[in-house]
């Protein structure tokens, strides 16, 4: 299972960790949970209302 993080504050991210780069920036709200789905190369964000958004990206080294 992918490691899931909880946003402690409002975040605007274009890179997650050191290696995952998004095709476009994403807003993650305070308290929302996010993780990288490596099988689909997407950032997943649990918005807390039963909805999970997915944004394309890629691993870069």
Protein backbone atom coordinates (compact mmCIF):
# COMPACT_ATOMS: atom_id res chain seq x y z
CA UNK A 1 0.00 0.00 0.00
CA UNK A 2 1.34 3.47 -0.86
CA UNK A 3 2.43 5.78 1.91
CA UNK A 4 -0.32 8.31 2.60
CA UNK A 5 0.29 11.79 3.95
CA UNK A 6 -2.11 14.25 5.55
CA UNK A 7 -1.74 17.89 4.57
CA UNK A 8 -1.17 19.98 7.71
CA UNK A 9 -2.00 23.19 5.82
CA UNK A 10 -3.19 24.27 2.37
CA UNK A 11 -0.61 23.11 -0.17
CA UNK A 12 0.02 23.97 -3.80
CA UNK A 13 2.24 21.18 -5.11
CA UNK A 14 3.96 20.51 -8.41
CA UNK A 15 6.43 17.99 -6.99
CA UNK A 16 5.76 15.31 -4.36
CA UNK A 17 8.75 14.02 -2.51
CA UNK A 18 11.92 14.50 -4.48
CA UNK A 19 11.08 12.52 -7.60
CA UNK A 20 7.40 12.73 -8.56
CA UNK A 21 6.65 15.71 -10.82
CA UNK A 22 3.08 16.67 -11.72
CA UNK A 23 1.94 17.77 -15.17
CA UNK A 24 0.08 20.66 -13.49
CA UNK A 25 0.04 22.12 -9.93
CA UNK A 26 -2.57 20.77 -7.51
CA UNK A 27 -4.16 22.36 -4.43
CA UNK A 28 -4.41 20.04 -1.44
CA UNK A 29 -6.55 21.31 1.42
CA UNK A 30 -5.68 21.13 5.10
CA UNK A 31 -6.55 17.67 6.46
CA UNK A 32 -6.84 16.04 3.05
CA UNK A 33 -4.92 12.81 2.49
CA UNK A 34 -2.69 12.34 -0.56
CA UNK A 35 -0.48 9.63 -2.03
CA UNK A 36 1.21 8.55 -5.26
CA UNK A 37 -0.33 5.67 -7.22
CA UNK A 38 2.79 4.28 -8.86
CA UNK A 39 0.87 1.86 -11.09
CA UNK A 40 -0.92 4.74 -12.87
CA UNK A 41 1.66 7.53 -12.21
CA UNK A 42 -0.94 9.74 -10.56
CA UNK A 43 -1.18 11.89 -7.45
CA UNK A 44 -4.35 10.86 -5.59
CA UNK A 45 -6.03 13.23 -3.16
CA UNK A 46 -8.84 12.09 -0.85
CA UNK A 47 -10.97 15.23 -0.67
CA UNK A 48 -12.84 13.97 2.40
CA UNK A 49 -16.30 13.95 0.83
CA UNK A 50 -16.07 10.48 -0.70
CA UNK A 51 -14.25 11.87 -3.74
CA UNK A 52 -10.67 11.07 -4.75
CA UNK A 53 -9.08 13.26 -7.43
CA UNK A 54 -6.22 12.04 -9.60
CA UNK A 55 -3.60 14.11 -11.40
CA UNK A 56 -1.06 12.74 -13.89
CA UNK A 57 2.66 13.02 -13.23
CA UNK A 58 5.88 11.10 -13.64
CA UNK A 59 8.82 9.81 -11.67
CA UNK A 60 12.01 11.71 -12.53
CA UNK A 61 15.51 11.00 -11.30
